[in-house]
Amino acid sequence: TSLEIKTKTPSNVTFRVAGTRDNKTYGISGDLEGKYADP
C-alpha cells in the first residue's frame, strides 16, 4: 500500500512525500523530495 502527496508553489517548487508498506515484510519505506524547475 502506497501513498503519494504532491504540492506545487507559484514559484515552480514542487514538494513530494511518498511512502510504501511492503506486504511481505510489513516495513514502511518512503522519501521526502523537493524539486525546483526553471523552464
PDB file of all heavy atoms in Angstrom:
ATOM      1  N   THR A   1       0.851  -1.186   0.000  1.00  0.00           N
ATOM      2  CA  THR A   1       0.000   0.000   0.000  1.00  0.00           C
ATOM      3  C   THR A   1       0.885   1.233   0.000  1.00  0.00           C
ATOM      4  O   THR A   1       1.790   1.341   0.820  1.00  0.00           O
ATOM      5  CB  THR A   1      -0.902   0.020   1.242  1.00  0.00           C
ATOM      6  OG1 THR A   1      -1.687  -1.179   1.263  1.00  0.00           O
ATOM      7  CG2 THR A   1      -1.830   1.222   1.223  1.00  0.00           C
ATOM      8  N   SER A   2       0.627   2.127  -0.920  1.00  0.00           N
ATOM      9  CA  SER A   2       1.469   3.307  -1.036  1.00  0.00           C
ATOM     10  C   SER A   2       0.633   4.577  -1.034  1.00  0.00           C
ATOM     11  O   SER A   2      -0.539   4.575  -1.445  1.00  0.00           O
ATOM     12  CB  SER A   2       2.319   3.249  -2.314  1.00  0.00           C
ATOM     13  OG  SER A   2       1.500   3.297  -3.459  1.00  0.00           O
ATOM     14  N   LEU A   3       1.244   5.633  -0.569  1.00  0.00           N
ATOM     15  CA  LEU A   3       0.610   6.940  -0.502  1.00  0.00           C
ATOM     16  C   LEU A   3       1.581   7.978  -1.040  1.00  0.00           C
ATOM     17  O   LEU A   3       2.763   7.975  -0.686  1.00  0.00           O
ATOM     18  CB  LEU A   3       0.232   7.287   0.943  1.00  0.00           C
ATOM     19  CG  LEU A   3      -0.316   8.700   1.193  1.00  0.00           C
ATOM     20  CD1 LEU A   3      -1.646   8.889   0.493  1.00  0.00           C
ATOM     21  CD2 LEU A   3      -0.439   8.964   2.683  1.00  0.00           C
ATOM     22  N   GLU A   4       1.097   8.845  -1.927  1.00  0.00           N
ATOM     23  CA  GLU A   4       1.934   9.887  -2.516  1.00  0.00           C
ATOM     24  C   GLU A   4       1.185  11.215  -2.464  1.00  0.00           C
ATOM     25  O   GLU A   4       0.024  11.293  -2.854  1.00  0.00           O
ATOM     26  CB  GLU A   4       2.292   9.541  -3.957  1.00  0.00           C
ATOM     27  CG  GLU A   4       3.210  10.551  -4.617  1.00  0.00           C
ATOM     28  CD  GLU A   4       3.549  10.167  -6.051  1.00  0.00           C
ATOM     29  OE1 GLU A   4       2.712   9.503  -6.700  1.00  0.00           O
ATOM     30  OE2 GLU A   4       4.636  10.529  -6.512  1.00  0.00           O
ATOM     31  N   ILE A   5       1.866  12.242  -1.964  1.00  0.00           N
ATOM     32  CA  ILE A   5       1.282  13.574  -1.857  1.00  0.00           C
ATOM     33  C   ILE A   5       2.215  14.564  -2.539  1.00  0.00           C
ATOM     34  O   ILE A   5       3.409  14.608  -2.253  1.00  0.00           O
ATOM     35  CB  ILE A   5       1.070  13.979  -0.387  1.00  0.00           C
ATOM     36  CG1 ILE A   5       0.143  12.981   0.314  1.00  0.00           C
ATOM     37  CG2 ILE A   5       0.479  15.384  -0.298  1.00  0.00           C
ATOM     38  CD1 ILE A   5       0.005  13.224   1.793  1.00  0.00           C
ATOM     39  N   LYS A   6       1.660  15.352  -3.475  1.00  0.00           N
ATOM     40  CA  LYS A   6       2.425  16.360  -4.210  1.00  0.00           C
ATOM     41  C   LYS A   6       1.757  17.720  -4.057  1.00  0.00           C
ATOM     42  O   LYS A   6       0.535  17.826  -4.146  1.00  0.00           O
ATOM     43  CB  LYS A   6       2.515  16.021  -5.701  1.00  0.00           C
ATOM     44  CG  LYS A   6       3.284  14.775  -6.042  1.00  0.00           C
ATOM     45  CD  LYS A   6       3.289  14.568  -7.546  1.00  0.00           C
ATOM     46  CE  LYS A   6       4.014  13.309  -7.959  1.00  0.00           C
ATOM     47  NZ  LYS A   6       3.999  13.130  -9.441  1.00  0.00           N
ATOM     48  N   THR A   7       2.594  18.729  -3.847  1.00  0.00           N
ATOM     49  CA  THR A   7       2.104  20.113  -3.838  1.00  0.00           C
ATOM     50  C   THR A   7       3.071  20.972  -4.636  1.00  0.00           C
ATOM     51  O   THR A   7       4.271  20.685  -4.682  1.00  0.00           O
ATOM     52  CB  THR A   7       1.985  20.672  -2.409  1.00  0.00           C
ATOM     53  OG1 THR A   7       3.269  20.613  -1.760  1.00  0.00           O
ATOM     54  CG2 THR A   7       0.979  19.879  -1.594  1.00  0.00           C
ATOM     55  N   LYS A   8       2.539  22.023  -5.253  1.00  0.00           N
ATOM     56  CA  LYS A   8       3.362  22.899  -6.084  1.00  0.00           C
ATOM     57  C   LYS A   8       3.104  24.349  -5.723  1.00  0.00           C
ATOM     58  O   LYS A   8       1.953  24.773  -5.566  1.00  0.00           O
ATOM     59  CB  LYS A   8       3.054  22.674  -7.573  1.00  0.00           C
ATOM     60  CG  LYS A   8       3.982  23.403  -8.514  1.00  0.00           C
ATOM     61  CD  LYS A   8       3.705  23.030  -9.963  1.00  0.00           C
ATOM     62  CE  LYS A   8       4.667  23.728 -10.917  1.00  0.00           C
ATOM     63  NZ  LYS A   8       4.404  23.357 -12.323  1.00  0.00           N
ATOM     64  N   THR A   9       4.195  25.119  -5.588  1.00  0.00           N
ATOM     65  CA  THR A   9       4.088  26.524  -5.237  1.00  0.00           C
ATOM     66  C   THR A   9       4.061  27.376  -6.507  1.00  0.00           C
ATOM     67  O   THR A   9       4.441  26.911  -7.590  1.00  0.00           O
ATOM     68  CB  THR A   9       5.281  26.956  -4.372  1.00  0.00           C
ATOM     69  OG1 THR A   9       6.473  26.958  -5.183  1.00  0.00           O
ATOM     70  CG2 THR A   9       5.479  25.994  -3.206  1.00  0.00           C
ATOM     71  N   PRO A  10       3.643  28.630  -6.406  1.00  0.00           N
ATOM     72  CA  PRO A  10       3.640  29.518  -7.582  1.00  0.00           C
ATOM     73  C   PRO A  10       5.028  29.774  -8.150  1.00  0.00           C
ATOM     74  O   PRO A  10       5.161  30.189  -9.306  1.00  0.00           O
ATOM     75  CB  PRO A  10       3.019  30.813  -7.033  1.00  0.00           C
ATOM     76  CG  PRO A  10       2.226  30.388  -5.848  1.00  0.00           C
ATOM     77  CD  PRO A  10       2.991  29.257  -5.247  1.00  0.00           C
ATOM     78  N   SER A  11       6.092  29.520  -7.365  1.00  0.00           N
ATOM     79  CA  SER A  11       7.459  29.763  -7.835  1.00  0.00           C
ATOM     80  C   SER A  11       8.103  28.517  -8.425  1.00  0.00           C
ATOM     81  O   SER A  11       9.333  28.392  -8.448  1.00  0.00           O
ATOM     82  CB  SER A  11       8.318  30.289  -6.680  1.00  0.00           C
ATOM     83  OG  SER A  11       8.279  29.394  -5.577  1.00  0.00           O
ATOM     84  N   ASN A  12       7.264  27.551  -8.892  1.00  0.00           N
ATOM     85  CA  ASN A  12       7.741  26.336  -9.574  1.00  0.00           C
ATOM     86  C   ASN A  12       8.540  25.402  -8.674  1.00  0.00           C
ATOM     87  O   ASN A  12       9.424  24.677  -9.142  1.00  0.00           O
ATOM     88  CB  ASN A  12       8.576  26.698 -10.810  1.00  0.00           C
ATOM     89  CG  ASN A  12       7.747  27.306 -11.912  1.00  0.00           C
ATOM     90  OD1 ASN A  12       6.581  26.953 -12.096  1.00  0.00           O
ATOM     91  ND2 ASN A  12       8.318  28.256 -12.632  1.00  0.00           N
ATOM     92  N   VAL A  13       8.250  25.409  -7.390  1.00  0.00           N
ATOM     93  CA  VAL A  13       8.851  24.454  -6.457  1.00  0.00           C
ATOM     94  C   VAL A  13       7.800  23.400  -6.124  1.00  0.00           C
ATOM     95  O   VAL A  13       6.685  23.732  -5.713  1.00  0.00           O
ATOM     96  CB  VAL A  13       9.339  25.137  -5.173  1.00  0.00           C
ATOM     97  CG1 VAL A  13       9.894  24.096  -4.190  1.00  0.00           C
ATOM     98  CG2 VAL A  13      10.410  26.166  -5.498  1.00  0.00           C
ATOM     99  N   THR A  14       8.157  22.139  -6.320  1.00  0.00           N
ATOM    100  CA  THR A  14       7.246  21.030  -6.060  1.00  0.00           C
ATOM    101  C   THR A  14       7.753  20.208  -4.893  1.00  0.00           C
ATOM    102  O   THR A  14       8.936  19.852  -4.837  1.00  0.00           O
ATOM    103  CB  THR A  14       7.114  20.126  -7.298  1.00  0.00           C
ATOM    104  OG1 THR A  14       6.659  20.908  -8.412  1.00  0.00           O
ATOM    105  CG2 THR A  14       6.130  18.997  -7.046  1.00  0.00           C
ATOM    106  N   PHE A  15       6.869  19.914  -3.957  1.00  0.00           N
ATOM    107  CA  PHE A  15       7.198  19.049  -2.825  1.00  0.00           C
ATOM    108  C   PHE A  15       6.441  17.738  -2.973  1.00  0.00           C
ATOM    109  O   PHE A  15       5.271  17.720  -3.372  1.00  0.00           O
ATOM    110  CB  PHE A  15       6.831  19.724  -1.498  1.00  0.00           C
ATOM    111  CG  PHE A  15       7.599  20.971  -1.208  1.00  0.00           C
ATOM    112  CD1 PHE A  15       7.037  22.211  -1.462  1.00  0.00           C
ATOM    113  CD2 PHE A  15       8.894  20.900  -0.713  1.00  0.00           C
ATOM    114  CE1 PHE A  15       7.747  23.369  -1.204  1.00  0.00           C
ATOM    115  CE2 PHE A  15       9.611  22.064  -0.460  1.00  0.00           C
ATOM    116  CZ  PHE A  15       9.040  23.300  -0.703  1.00  0.00           C
ATOM    117  N   ARG A  16       7.135  16.656  -2.638  1.00  0.00           N
ATOM    118  CA  ARG A  16       6.537  15.329  -2.780  1.00  0.00           C
ATOM    119  C   ARG A  16       6.909  14.467  -1.577  1.00  0.00           C
ATOM    120  O   ARG A  16       8.073  14.407  -1.173  1.00  0.00           O
ATOM    121  CB  ARG A  16       7.026  14.662  -4.060  1.00  0.00           C
ATOM    122  CG  ARG A  16       6.624  13.209  -4.234  1.00  0.00           C
ATOM    123  CD  ARG A  16       7.219  12.636  -5.501  1.00  0.00           C
ATOM    124  NE  ARG A  16       7.055  11.192  -5.587  1.00  0.00           N
ATOM    125  CZ  ARG A  16       7.908  10.315  -5.067  1.00  0.00           C
ATOM    126  NH1 ARG A  16       8.997  10.741  -4.440  1.00  0.00           N
ATOM    127  NH2 ARG A  16       7.689   9.019  -5.188  1.00  0.00           N
ATOM    128  N   VAL A  17       5.907  13.817  -1.000  1.00  0.00           N
ATOM    129  CA  VAL A  17       6.117  12.854   0.083  1.00  0.00           C
ATOM    130  C   VAL A  17       5.495  11.538  -0.356  1.00  0.00           C
ATOM    131  O   VAL A  17       4.334  11.510  -0.786  1.00  0.00           O
ATOM    132  CB  VAL A  17       5.486  13.328   1.406  1.00  0.00           C
ATOM    133  CG1 VAL A  17       5.744  12.301   2.510  1.00  0.00           C
ATOM    134  CG2 VAL A  17       6.037  14.684   1.808  1.00  0.00           C
ATOM    135  N   ALA A  18       6.258  10.449  -0.272  1.00  0.00           N
ATOM    136  CA  ALA A  18       5.757   9.148  -0.711  1.00  0.00           C
ATOM    137  C   ALA A  18       6.178   8.074   0.280  1.00  0.00           C
ATOM    138  O   ALA A  18       7.275   8.133   0.851  1.00  0.00           O
ATOM    139  CB  ALA A  18       6.275   8.805  -2.106  1.00  0.00           C
ATOM    140  N   GLY A  19       5.302   7.115   0.498  1.00  0.00           N
ATOM    141  CA  GLY A  19       5.600   6.005   1.388  1.00  0.00           C
ATOM    142  C   GLY A  19       4.925   4.739   0.912  1.00  0.00           C
ATOM    143  O   GLY A  19       3.854   4.785   0.302  1.00  0.00           O
ATOM    144  N   THR A  20       5.563   3.592   1.182  1.00  0.00           N
ATOM    145  CA  THR A  20       5.033   2.296   0.769  1.00  0.00           C
ATOM    146  C   THR A  20       5.178   1.297   1.900  1.00  0.00           C
ATOM    147  O   THR A  20       6.247   1.197   2.517  1.00  0.00           O
ATOM    148  CB  THR A  20       5.764   1.767  -0.474  1.00  0.00           C
ATOM    149  OG1 THR A  20       5.627   2.698  -1.545  1.00  0.00           O
ATOM    150  CG2 THR A  20       5.203   0.413  -0.908  1.00  0.00           C
ATOM    151  N   ARG A  21       4.116   0.567   2.170  1.00  0.00           N
ATOM    152  CA  ARG A  21       4.145  -0.519   3.161  1.00  0.00           C
ATOM    153  C   ARG A  21       4.199  -1.837   2.418  1.00  0.00           C
ATOM    154  O   ARG A  21       3.292  -2.183   1.665  1.00  0.00           O
ATOM    155  CB  ARG A  21       2.919  -0.471   4.059  1.00  0.00           C
ATOM    156  CG  ARG A  21       2.863  -1.569   5.117  1.00  0.00           C
ATOM    157  CD  ARG A  21       1.595  -1.415   5.945  1.00  0.00           C
ATOM    158  NE  ARG A  21       1.508  -2.398   7.006  1.00  0.00           N
ATOM    159  CZ  ARG A  21       0.935  -3.597   6.884  1.00  0.00           C
ATOM    160  NH1 ARG A  21       0.419  -3.942   5.712  1.00  0.00           N
ATOM    161  NH2 ARG A  21       0.884  -4.425   7.895  1.00  0.00           N
ATOM    162  N   ASP A  22       5.291  -2.585   2.608  1.00  0.00           N
ATOM    163  CA  ASP A  22       5.501  -3.847   1.903  1.00  0.00           C
ATOM    164  C   ASP A  22       4.627  -4.940   2.506  1.00  0.00           C
ATOM    165  O   ASP A  22       4.547  -5.085   3.726  1.00  0.00           O
ATOM    166  CB  ASP A  22       6.978  -4.252   1.970  1.00  0.00           C
ATOM    167  CG  ASP A  22       7.268  -5.458   1.115  1.00  0.00           C
ATOM    168  OD1 ASP A  22       7.571  -5.277  -0.084  1.00  0.00           O
ATOM    169  OD2 ASP A  22       7.193  -6.582   1.632  1.00  0.00           O
ATOM    170  N   ASN A  23       3.982  -5.720   1.639  1.00  0.00           N
ATOM    171  CA  ASN A  23       3.091  -6.774   2.118  1.00  0.00           C
ATOM    172  C   ASN A  23       3.825  -7.942   2.764  1.00  0.00           C
ATOM    173  O   ASN A  23       3.263  -8.634   3.617  1.00  0.00           O
ATOM    174  CB  ASN A  23       2.244  -7.300   0.954  1.00  0.00           C
ATOM    175  CG  ASN A  23       1.073  -6.402   0.642  1.00  0.00           C
ATOM    176  OD1 ASN A  23       0.667  -5.585   1.462  1.00  0.00           O
ATOM    177  ND2 ASN A  23       0.527  -6.520  -0.562  1.00  0.00           N
ATOM    178  N   LYS A  24       5.073  -8.186   2.366  1.00  0.00           N
ATOM    179  CA  LYS A  24       5.813  -9.329   2.896  1.00  0.00           C
ATOM    180  C   LYS A  24       6.483  -9.001   4.221  1.00  0.00           C
ATOM    181  O   LYS A  24       6.370  -9.742   5.197  1.00  0.00           O
ATOM    182  CB  LYS A  24       6.858  -9.800   1.877  1.00  0.00           C
ATOM    183  CG  LYS A  24       6.269 -10.516   0.666  1.00  0.00           C
ATOM    184  CD  LYS A  24       7.377 -11.071  -0.207  1.00  0.00           C
ATOM    185  CE  LYS A  24       6.808 -11.857  -1.379  1.00  0.00           C
ATOM    186  NZ  LYS A  24       7.893 -12.428  -2.240  1.00  0.00           N
ATOM    187  N   THR A  25       7.213  -7.908   4.265  1.00  0.00           N
ATOM    188  CA  THR A  25       7.979  -7.568   5.471  1.00  0.00           C
ATOM    189  C   THR A  25       7.209  -6.655   6.415  1.00  0.00           C
ATOM    190  O   THR A  25       7.605  -6.492   7.572  1.00  0.00           O
ATOM    191  CB  THR A  25       9.287  -6.865   5.086  1.00  0.00           C
ATOM    192  OG1 THR A  25       8.990  -5.604   4.452  1.00  0.00           O
ATOM    193  CG2 THR A  25      10.091  -7.715   4.106  1.00  0.00           C
ATOM    194  N   TYR A  26       6.125  -6.047   5.913  1.00  0.00           N
ATOM    195  CA  TYR A  26       5.336  -5.070   6.662  1.00  0.00           C
ATOM    196  C   TYR A  26       6.144  -3.823   7.021  1.00  0.00           C
ATOM    197  O   TYR A  26       5.725  -3.026   7.847  1.00  0.00           O
ATOM    198  CB  TYR A  26       4.744  -5.693   7.940  1.00  0.00           C
ATOM    199  CG  TYR A  26       3.870  -6.878   7.648  1.00  0.00           C
ATOM    200  CD1 TYR A  26       4.300  -8.164   7.955  1.00  0.00           C
ATOM    201  CD2 TYR A  26       2.634  -6.719   7.043  1.00  0.00           C
ATOM    202  CE1 TYR A  26       3.499  -9.268   7.681  1.00  0.00           C
ATOM    203  CE2 TYR A  26       1.825  -7.816   6.759  1.00  0.00           C
ATOM    204  CZ  TYR A  26       2.273  -9.083   7.078  1.00  0.00           C
ATOM    205  OH  TYR A  26       1.480 -10.174   6.799  1.00  0.00           O
ATOM    206  N   GLY A  27       7.309  -3.686   6.415  1.00  0.00           N
ATOM    207  CA  GLY A  27       8.122  -2.496   6.634  1.00  0.00           C
ATOM    208  C   GLY A  27       7.624  -1.339   5.783  1.00  0.00           C
ATOM    209  O   GLY A  27       7.007  -1.531   4.726  1.00  0.00           O
ATOM    210  N   ILE A  28       7.877  -0.131   6.254  1.00  0.00           N
ATOM    211  CA  ILE A  28       7.450   1.070   5.548  1.00  0.00           C
ATOM    212  C   ILE A  28       8.680   1.835   5.075  1.00  0.00           C
ATOM    213  O   ILE A  28       9.582   2.125   5.861  1.00  0.00           O
ATOM    214  CB  ILE A  28       6.586   1.967   6.453  1.00  0.00           C
ATOM    215  CG1 ILE A  28       5.297   1.237   6.839  1.00  0.00           C
ATOM    216  CG2 ILE A  28       6.247   3.267   5.739  1.00  0.00           C
ATOM    217  CD1 ILE A  28       4.419   2.027   7.782  1.00  0.00           C
ATOM    218  N   SER A  29       8.722   2.138   3.790  1.00  0.00           N
ATOM    219  CA  SER A  29       9.813   2.924   3.211  1.00  0.00           C
ATOM    220  C   SER A  29       9.209   4.133   2.517  1.00  0.00           C
ATOM    221  O   SER A  29       8.062   4.105   2.067  1.00  0.00           O
ATOM    222  CB  SER A  29      10.623   2.094   2.209  1.00  0.00           C
ATOM    223  OG  SER A  29       9.796   1.663   1.138  1.00  0.00           O
ATOM    224  N   GLY A  30       9.990   5.184   2.438  1.00  0.00           N
ATOM    225  CA  GLY A  30       9.469   6.380   1.801  1.00  0.00           C
ATOM    226  C   GLY A  30      10.554   7.398   1.546  1.00  0.00           C
ATOM    227  O   GLY A  30      11.735   7.161   1.811  1.00  0.00           O
ATOM    228  N   ASP A  31      10.157   8.530   1.011  1.00  0.00           N
ATOM    229  CA  ASP A  31      11.109   9.603   0.760  1.00  0.00           C
ATOM    230  C   ASP A  31      10.404  10.952   0.771  1.00  0.00           C
ATOM    231  O   ASP A  31       9.192  11.046   0.557  1.00  0.00           O
ATOM    232  CB  ASP A  31      11.864   9.394  -0.562  1.00  0.00           C
ATOM    233  CG  ASP A  31      10.932   9.291  -1.756  1.00  0.00           C
ATOM    234  OD1 ASP A  31      10.134  10.211  -1.981  1.00  0.00           O
ATOM    235  OD2 ASP A  31      11.008   8.283  -2.490  1.00  0.00           O
ATOM    236  N   LEU A  32      11.185  11.962   1.042  1.00  0.00           N
ATOM    237  CA  LEU A  32      10.750  13.350   1.012  1.00  0.00           C
ATOM    238  C   LEU A  32      11.542  14.042  -0.074  1.00  0.00           C
ATOM    239  O   LEU A  32      12.773  13.966  -0.090  1.00  0.00           O
ATOM    240  CB  LEU A  32      10.994  14.018   2.365  1.00  0.00           C
ATOM    241  CG  LEU A  32      10.762  15.527   2.450  1.00  0.00           C
ATOM    242  CD1 LEU A  32       9.299  15.855   2.207  1.00  0.00           C
ATOM    243  CD2 LEU A  32      11.210  16.056   3.814  1.00  0.00           C
ATOM    244  N   GLU A  33      10.853  14.695  -1.004  1.00  0.00           N
ATOM    245  CA  GLU A  33      11.514  15.244  -2.191  1.00  0.00           C
ATOM    246  C   GLU A  33      11.078  16.676  -2.449  1.00  0.00           C
ATOM    247  O   GLU A  33       9.920  17.038  -2.272  1.00  0.00           O
ATOM    248  CB  GLU A  33      11.170  14.376  -3.404  1.00  0.00           C
ATOM    249  CG  GLU A  33      11.783  14.825  -4.716  1.00  0.00           C
ATOM    250  CD  GLU A  33      11.321  13.980  -5.879  1.00  0.00           C
ATOM    251  OE1 GLU A  33      11.836  12.847  -6.014  1.00  0.00           O
ATOM    252  OE2 GLU A  33      10.445  14.421  -6.634  1.00  0.00           O
ATOM    253  N   GLY A  34      12.047  17.478  -2.855  1.00  0.00           N
ATOM    254  CA  GLY A  34      11.778  18.832  -3.282  1.00  0.00           C
ATOM    255  C   GLY A  34      12.360  19.050  -4.664  1.00  0.00           C
ATOM    256  O   GLY A  34      13.467  18.593  -4.960  1.00  0.00           O
ATOM    257  N   LYS A  35      11.605  19.721  -5.543  1.00  0.00           N
ATOM    258  CA  LYS A  35      12.055  19.933  -6.922  1.00  0.00           C
ATOM    259  C   LYS A  35      11.816  21.384  -7.331  1.00  0.00           C
ATOM    260  O   LYS A  35      10.742  21.942  -7.106  1.00  0.00           O
ATOM    261  CB  LYS A  35      11.311  18.998  -7.872  1.00  0.00           C
ATOM    262  CG  LYS A  35      11.663  19.201  -9.346  1.00  0.00           C
ATOM    263  CD  LYS A  35      10.799  18.354 -10.256  1.00  0.00           C
ATOM    264  CE  LYS A  35      11.134  16.890 -10.145  1.00  0.00           C
ATOM    265  NZ  LYS A  35      10.401  16.084 -11.169  1.00  0.00           N
ATOM    266  N   TYR A  36      12.848  21.960  -7.922  1.00  0.00           N
ATOM    267  CA  TYR A  36      12.727  23.315  -8.456  1.00  0.00           C
ATOM    268  C   TYR A  36      12.931  23.267  -9.962  1.00  0.00           C
ATOM    269  O   TYR A  36      13.904  22.682 -10.452  1.00  0.00           O
ATOM    270  CB  TYR A  36      13.763  24.253  -7.833  1.00  0.00           C
ATOM    271  CG  TYR A  36      13.829  25.602  -8.526  1.00  0.00           C
ATOM    272  CD1 TYR A  36      12.817  26.545  -8.366  1.00  0.00           C
ATOM    273  CD2 TYR A  36      14.898  25.920  -9.362  1.00  0.00           C
ATOM    274  CE1 TYR A  36      12.851  27.762  -9.021  1.00  0.00           C
ATOM    275  CE2 TYR A  36      14.957  27.143 -10.017  1.00  0.00           C
ATOM    276  CZ  TYR A  36      13.925  28.065  -9.846  1.00  0.00           C
ATOM    277  OH  TYR A  36      13.965  29.270 -10.501  1.00  0.00           O
ATOM    278  N   ALA A  37      12.022  23.885 -10.700  1.00  0.00           N
ATOM    279  CA  ALA A  37      12.097  23.881 -12.160  1.00  0.00           C
ATOM    280  C   ALA A  37      12.155  25.313 -12.678  1.00  0.00           C
ATOM    281  O   ALA A  37      11.402  26.177 -12.232  1.00  0.00           O
ATOM    282  CB  ALA A  37      10.899  23.161 -12.756  1.00  0.00           C
ATOM    283  N   ASP A  38      13.073  25.532 -13.615  1.00  0.00           N
ATOM    284  CA  ASP A  38      13.203  26.818 -14.296  1.00  0.00           C
ATOM    285  C   ASP A  38      13.034  26.555 -15.786  1.00  0.00           C
ATOM    286  O   ASP A  38      14.016  26.376 -16.513  1.00  0.00           O
ATOM    287  CB  ASP A  38      14.567  27.435 -13.996  1.00  0.00           C
ATOM    288  CG  ASP A  38      14.741  28.812 -14.637  1.00  0.00           C
ATOM    289  OD1 ASP A  38      13.782  29.302 -15.266  1.00  0.00           O
ATOM    290  OD2 ASP A  38      15.844  29.393 -14.527  1.00  0.00           O
ATOM    291  N   PRO A  39      11.786  26.491 -16.271  1.00  0.00           N
ATOM    292  CA  PRO A  39      11.547  26.131 -17.677  1.00  0.00           C
ATOM    293  C   PRO A  39      12.216  27.074 -18.665  1.00  0.00           C
ATOM    294  O   PRO A  39      12.635  26.647 -19.751  1.00  0.00           O
ATOM    295  CB  PRO A  39      10.022  26.194 -17.797  1.00  0.00           C
ATOM    296  CG  PRO A  39       9.510  26.078 -16.401  1.00  0.00           C
ATOM    297  CD  PRO A  39      10.542  26.723 -15.535  1.00  0.00           C
TER     298      PRO A  39
END
